[in-house]
PDB file of N, CA and C in Angstrom:
ATOM      1  N   UNK A   1     -19.924  -7.713   4.241  1.00  0.00           N
ATOM      2  CA  UNK A   1     -18.924  -8.235   3.334  1.00  0.00           C
ATOM      3  C   UNK A   1     -18.464  -9.594   3.864  1.00  0.00           C
ATOM      4  N   UNK A   2     -18.302 -10.523   2.947  1.00  0.00           N
ATOM      5  CA  UNK A   2     -17.854 -11.859   3.334  1.00  0.00           C
ATOM      6  C   UNK A   2     -16.380 -11.841   3.722  1.00  0.00           C
ATOM      7  N   UNK A   3     -15.976 -12.879   4.392  1.00  0.00           N
ATOM      8  CA  UNK A   3     -14.577 -13.013   4.810  1.00  0.00           C
ATOM      9  C   UNK A   3     -13.658 -13.027   3.591  1.00  0.00           C
ATOM     10  N   UNK A   4     -14.046 -13.805   2.569  1.00  0.00           N
ATOM     11  CA  UNK A   4     -13.211 -13.887   1.358  1.00  0.00           C
ATOM     12  C   UNK A   4     -13.157 -12.535   0.649  1.00  0.00           C
ATOM     13  N   UNK A   5     -14.262 -11.803   0.665  1.00  0.00           N
ATOM     14  CA  UNK A   5     -14.284 -10.474   0.061  1.00  0.00           C
ATOM     15  C   UNK A   5     -13.348  -9.519   0.776  1.00  0.00           C
ATOM     16  N   UNK A   6     -13.341  -9.587   2.089  1.00  0.00           N
ATOM     17  CA  UNK A   6     -12.442  -8.727   2.889  1.00  0.00           C
ATOM     18  C   UNK A   6     -10.988  -9.077   2.629  1.00  0.00           C
ATOM     19  N   UNK A   7     -10.696 -10.373   2.540  1.00  0.00           N
ATOM     20  CA  UNK A   7      -9.327 -10.810   2.254  1.00  0.00           C
ATOM     21  C   UNK A   7      -8.888 -10.304   0.883  1.00  0.00           C
ATOM     22  N   UNK A   8      -9.766 -10.416  -0.110  1.00  0.00           N
ATOM     23  CA  UNK A   8      -9.445  -9.936  -1.460  1.00  0.00           C
ATOM     24  C   UNK A   8      -9.195  -8.434  -1.470  1.00  0.00           C
ATOM     25  N   UNK A   9     -10.037  -7.695  -0.748  1.00  0.00           N
ATOM     26  CA  UNK A   9      -9.887  -6.251  -0.678  1.00  0.00           C
ATOM     27  C   UNK A   9      -8.546  -5.868  -0.031  1.00  0.00           C
ATOM     28  N   UNK A  10      -8.212  -6.530   1.055  1.00  0.00           N
ATOM     29  CA  UNK A  10      -6.945  -6.239   1.733  1.00  0.00           C
ATOM     30  C   UNK A  10      -5.747  -6.616   0.876  1.00  0.00           C
ATOM     31  N   UNK A  11      -5.847  -7.744   0.170  1.00  0.00           N
ATOM     32  CA  UNK A  11      -4.748  -8.166  -0.709  1.00  0.00           C
ATOM     33  C   UNK A  11      -4.539  -7.131  -1.814  1.00  0.00           C
ATOM     34  N   UNK A  12      -5.620  -6.593  -2.335  1.00  0.00           N
ATOM     35  CA  UNK A  12      -5.526  -5.556  -3.371  1.00  0.00           C
ATOM     36  C   UNK A  12      -4.857  -4.301  -2.813  1.00  0.00           C
ATOM     37  N   UNK A  13      -5.276  -3.874  -1.633  1.00  0.00           N
ATOM     38  CA  UNK A  13      -4.671  -2.695  -0.998  1.00  0.00           C
ATOM     39  C   UNK A  13      -3.186  -2.928  -0.738  1.00  0.00           C
ATOM     40  N   UNK A  14      -2.833  -4.145  -0.326  1.00  0.00           N
ATOM     41  CA  UNK A  14      -1.440  -4.492  -0.051  1.00  0.00           C
ATOM     42  C   UNK A  14      -0.596  -4.347  -1.322  1.00  0.00           C
ATOM     43  N   UNK A  15      -1.115  -4.856  -2.443  1.00  0.00           N
ATOM     44  CA  UNK A  15      -0.399  -4.741  -3.724  1.00  0.00           C
ATOM     45  C   UNK A  15      -0.247  -3.289  -4.146  1.00  0.00           C
ATOM     46  N   UNK A  16      -1.311  -2.503  -3.972  1.00  0.00           N
ATOM     47  CA  UNK A  16      -1.260  -1.089  -4.356  1.00  0.00           C
ATOM     48  C   UNK A  16      -0.230  -0.328  -3.519  1.00  0.00           C
ATOM     49  N   UNK A  17      -0.174  -0.615  -2.233  1.00  0.00           N
ATOM     50  CA  UNK A  17       0.824   0.033  -1.379  1.00  0.00           C
ATOM     51  C   UNK A  17       2.230  -0.357  -1.802  1.00  0.00           C
ATOM     52  N   UNK A  18       2.416  -1.608  -2.180  1.00  0.00           N
ATOM     53  CA  UNK A  18       3.721  -2.070  -2.656  1.00  0.00           C
ATOM     54  C   UNK A  18       4.135  -1.291  -3.909  1.00  0.00           C
ATOM     55  N   UNK A  19       3.184  -1.072  -4.804  1.00  0.00           N
ATOM     56  CA  UNK A  19       3.460  -0.292  -6.019  1.00  0.00           C
ATOM     57  C   UNK A  19       3.830   1.150  -5.671  1.00  0.00           C
ATOM     58  N   UNK A  20       3.088   1.747  -4.740  1.00  0.00           N
ATOM     59  CA  UNK A  20       3.369   3.128  -4.340  1.00  0.00           C
ATOM     60  C   UNK A  20       4.754   3.245  -3.712  1.00  0.00           C
ATOM     61  N   UNK A  21       5.123   2.259  -2.900  1.00  0.00           N
ATOM     62  CA  UNK A  21       6.451   2.261  -2.269  1.00  0.00           C
ATOM     63  C   UNK A  21       7.529   2.185  -3.339  1.00  0.00           C
ATOM     64  N   UNK A  22       7.351   1.290  -4.296  1.00  0.00           N
ATOM     65  CA  UNK A  22       8.330   1.151  -5.387  1.00  0.00           C
ATOM     66  C   UNK A  22       8.461   2.447  -6.177  1.00  0.00           C
ATOM     67  N   UNK A  23       7.326   3.060  -6.505  1.00  0.00           N
ATOM     68  CA  UNK A  23       7.350   4.317  -7.258  1.00  0.00           C
ATOM     69  C   UNK A  23       8.070   5.406  -6.476  1.00  0.00           C
ATOM     70  N   UNK A  24       7.789   5.504  -5.196  1.00  0.00           N
ATOM     71  CA  UNK A  24       8.411   6.539  -4.370  1.00  0.00           C
ATOM     72  C   UNK A  24       9.922   6.311  -4.268  1.00  0.00           C
ATOM     73  N   UNK A  25      10.337   5.073  -4.137  1.00  0.00           N
ATOM     74  CA  UNK A  25      11.761   4.780  -3.991  1.00  0.00           C
ATOM     75  C   UNK A  25      12.527   5.000  -5.290  1.00  0.00           C
ATOM     76  N   UNK A  26      11.845   4.967  -6.419  1.00  0.00           N
ATOM     77  CA  UNK A  26      12.504   5.198  -7.714  1.00  0.00           C
ATOM     78  C   UNK A  26      12.770   6.674  -7.970  1.00  0.00           C
ATOM     79  N   UNK A  27      12.036   7.529  -7.275  1.00  0.00           N
ATOM     80  CA  UNK A  27      12.224   8.963  -7.469  1.00  0.00           C
ATOM     81  C   UNK A  27      13.608   9.375  -6.998  1.00  0.00           C
ATOM     82  N   UNK A  28      14.207  10.334  -7.685  1.00  0.00           N
ATOM     83  CA  UNK A  28      15.554  10.798  -7.278  1.00  0.00           C
ATOM     84  C   UNK A  28      15.604  11.346  -5.855  1.00  0.00           C
ATOM     85  N   UNK A  29      14.561  12.048  -5.463  1.00  0.00           N
ATOM     86  CA  UNK A  29      14.523  12.622  -4.115  1.00  0.00           C
ATOM     87  C   UNK A  29      13.375  11.965  -3.344  1.00  0.00           C
ATOM     88  N   UNK A  30      13.494  10.682  -3.121  1.00  0.00           N
ATOM     89  CA  UNK A  30      12.435   9.939  -2.435  1.00  0.00           C
ATOM     90  C   UNK A  30      12.214  10.510  -1.032  1.00  0.00           C
ATOM     91  N   UNK A  31      10.960  10.592  -0.656  1.00  0.00           N
ATOM     92  CA  UNK A  31      10.570  11.096   0.653  1.00  0.00           C
ATOM     93  C   UNK A  31      10.599   9.922   1.641  1.00  0.00           C
ATOM     94  N   UNK A  32      11.636   9.872   2.458  1.00  0.00           N
ATOM     95  CA  UNK A  32      11.821   8.752   3.389  1.00  0.00           C
ATOM     96  C   UNK A  32      10.657   8.626   4.369  1.00  0.00           C
ATOM     97  N   UNK A  33      10.101   9.740   4.783  1.00  0.00           N
ATOM     98  CA  UNK A  33       8.979   9.706   5.724  1.00  0.00           C
ATOM     99  C   UNK A  33       7.735   9.096   5.067  1.00  0.00           C
ATOM    100  N   UNK A  34       7.490   9.445   3.816  1.00  0.00           N
ATOM    101  CA  UNK A  34       6.354   8.882   3.076  1.00  0.00           C
ATOM    102  C   UNK A  34       6.541   7.381   2.887  1.00  0.00           C
ATOM    103  N   UNK A  35       7.760   6.965   2.537  1.00  0.00           N
ATOM    104  CA  UNK A  35       8.038   5.536   2.347  1.00  0.00           C
ATOM    105  C   UNK A  35       7.808   4.791   3.651  1.00  0.00           C
ATOM    106  N   UNK A  36       8.270   5.353   4.747  1.00  0.00           N
ATOM    107  CA  UNK A  36       8.096   4.721   6.054  1.00  0.00           C
ATOM    108  C   UNK A  36       6.615   4.585   6.403  1.00  0.00           C
ATOM    109  N   UNK A  37       5.843   5.624   6.121  1.00  0.00           N
ATOM    110  CA  UNK A  37       4.403   5.598   6.394  1.00  0.00           C
ATOM    111  C   UNK A  37       3.700   4.541   5.527  1.00  0.00           C
ATOM    112  N   UNK A  38       4.059   4.476   4.258  1.00  0.00           N
ATOM    113  CA  UNK A  38       3.466   3.483   3.363  1.00  0.00           C
ATOM    114  C   UNK A  38       3.811   2.060   3.821  1.00  0.00           C
ATOM    115  N   UNK A  39       5.048   1.859   4.248  1.00  0.00           N
ATOM    116  CA  UNK A  39       5.460   0.537   4.722  1.00  0.00           C
ATOM    117  C   UNK A  39       4.716   0.152   5.996  1.00  0.00           C
ATOM    118  N   UNK A  40       4.475   1.121   6.859  1.00  0.00           N
ATOM    119  CA  UNK A  40       3.729   0.859   8.096  1.00  0.00           C
ATOM    120  C   UNK A  40       2.296   0.427   7.770  1.00  0.00           C
ATOM    121  N   UNK A  41       1.667   1.130   6.825  1.00  0.00           N
ATOM    122  CA  UNK A  41       0.311   0.773   6.406  1.00  0.00           C
ATOM    123  C   UNK A  41       0.290  -0.624   5.781  1.00  0.00           C
ATOM    124  N   UNK A  42       1.293  -0.914   4.970  1.00  0.00           N
ATOM    125  CA  UNK A  42       1.385  -2.215   4.312  1.00  0.00           C
ATOM    126  C   UNK A  42       1.522  -3.331   5.353  1.00  0.00           C
ATOM    127  N   UNK A  43       2.321  -3.106   6.372  1.00  0.00           N
ATOM    128  CA  UNK A  43       2.512  -4.101   7.424  1.00  0.00           C
ATOM    129  C   UNK A  43       1.219  -4.341   8.203  1.00  0.00           C
ATOM    130  N   UNK A  44       0.477  -3.277   8.497  1.00  0.00           N
ATOM    131  CA  UNK A  44      -0.799  -3.443   9.211  1.00  0.00           C
ATOM    132  C   UNK A  44      -1.769  -4.288   8.390  1.00  0.00           C
ATOM    133  N   UNK A  45      -1.807  -4.047   7.093  1.00  0.00           N
ATOM    134  CA  UNK A  45      -2.684  -4.823   6.221  1.00  0.00           C
ATOM    135  C   UNK A  45      -2.231  -6.282   6.181  1.00  0.00           C
ATOM    136  N   UNK A  46      -0.934  -6.495   6.103  1.00  0.00           N
ATOM    137  CA  UNK A  46      -0.402  -7.863   6.072  1.00  0.00           C
ATOM    138  C   UNK A  46      -0.764  -8.614   7.353  1.00  0.00           C
ATOM    139  N   UNK A  47      -0.636  -7.942   8.482  1.00  0.00           N
ATOM    140  CA  UNK A  47      -0.986  -8.570   9.762  1.00  0.00           C
ATOM    141  C   UNK A  47      -2.469  -8.921   9.807  1.00  0.00           C
ATOM    142  N   UNK A  48      -3.317  -8.009   9.319  1.00  0.00           N
ATOM    143  CA  UNK A  48      -4.765  -8.296   9.308  1.00  0.00           C
ATOM    144  C   UNK A  48      -5.069  -9.452   8.361  1.00  0.00           C
ATOM    145  N   UNK A  49      -4.387  -9.496   7.220  1.00  0.00           N
ATOM    146  CA  UNK A  49      -4.579 -10.602   6.279  1.00  0.00           C
ATOM    147  C   UNK A  49      -4.237 -11.948   6.930  1.00  0.00           C
ATOM    148  N   UNK A  50      -3.105 -11.995   7.592  1.00  0.00           N
ATOM    149  CA  UNK A  50      -2.697 -13.251   8.269  1.00  0.00           C
ATOM    150  C   UNK A  50      -3.713 -13.648   9.329  1.00  0.00           C
ATOM    151  N   UNK A  51      -4.219 -12.677  10.062  1.00  0.00           N
ATOM    152  CA  UNK A  51      -5.207 -12.968  11.099  1.00  0.00           C
ATOM    153  C   UNK A  51      -6.498 -13.515  10.486  1.00  0.00           C
ATOM    154  N   UNK A  52      -6.948 -12.870   9.399  1.00  0.00           N
ATOM    155  CA  UNK A  52      -8.187 -13.320   8.746  1.00  0.00           C
ATOM    156  C   UNK A  52      -8.025 -14.695   8.107  1.00  0.00           C
ATOM    157  N   UNK A  53      -6.869 -14.925   7.482  1.00  0.00           N
ATOM    158  CA  UNK A  53      -6.644 -16.226   6.836  1.00  0.00           C
ATOM    159  C   UNK A  53      -6.544 -17.342   7.849  1.00  0.00           C
ATOM    160  N   UNK A  54      -6.101 -17.020   9.052  1.00  0.00           N
ATOM    161  CA  UNK A  54      -5.994 -18.042  10.103  1.00  0.00           C
ATOM    162  C   UNK A  54      -7.355 -18.369  10.711  1.00  0.00           C
ATOM    163  N   UNK A  55      -8.327 -17.477  10.507  1.00  0.00           N
ATOM    164  CA  UNK A  55      -9.675 -17.691  11.065  1.00  0.00           C
ATOM    165  C   UNK A  55     -10.397 -18.829  10.387  1.00  0.00           C
TER     166      UNK A  55
END
């Protein structure tokens, strides 16, 4: 996979995680542990994106 392809894939995953976080937080009984886990995954992807874009 090309560098640009990997960046696009990660950006897509980042957006999807953001949507999942928003959906979970809108629920009346949001699962705080799930939200925390999703945010952690989102941050890891963001860090990898920044690293790849700097390359």
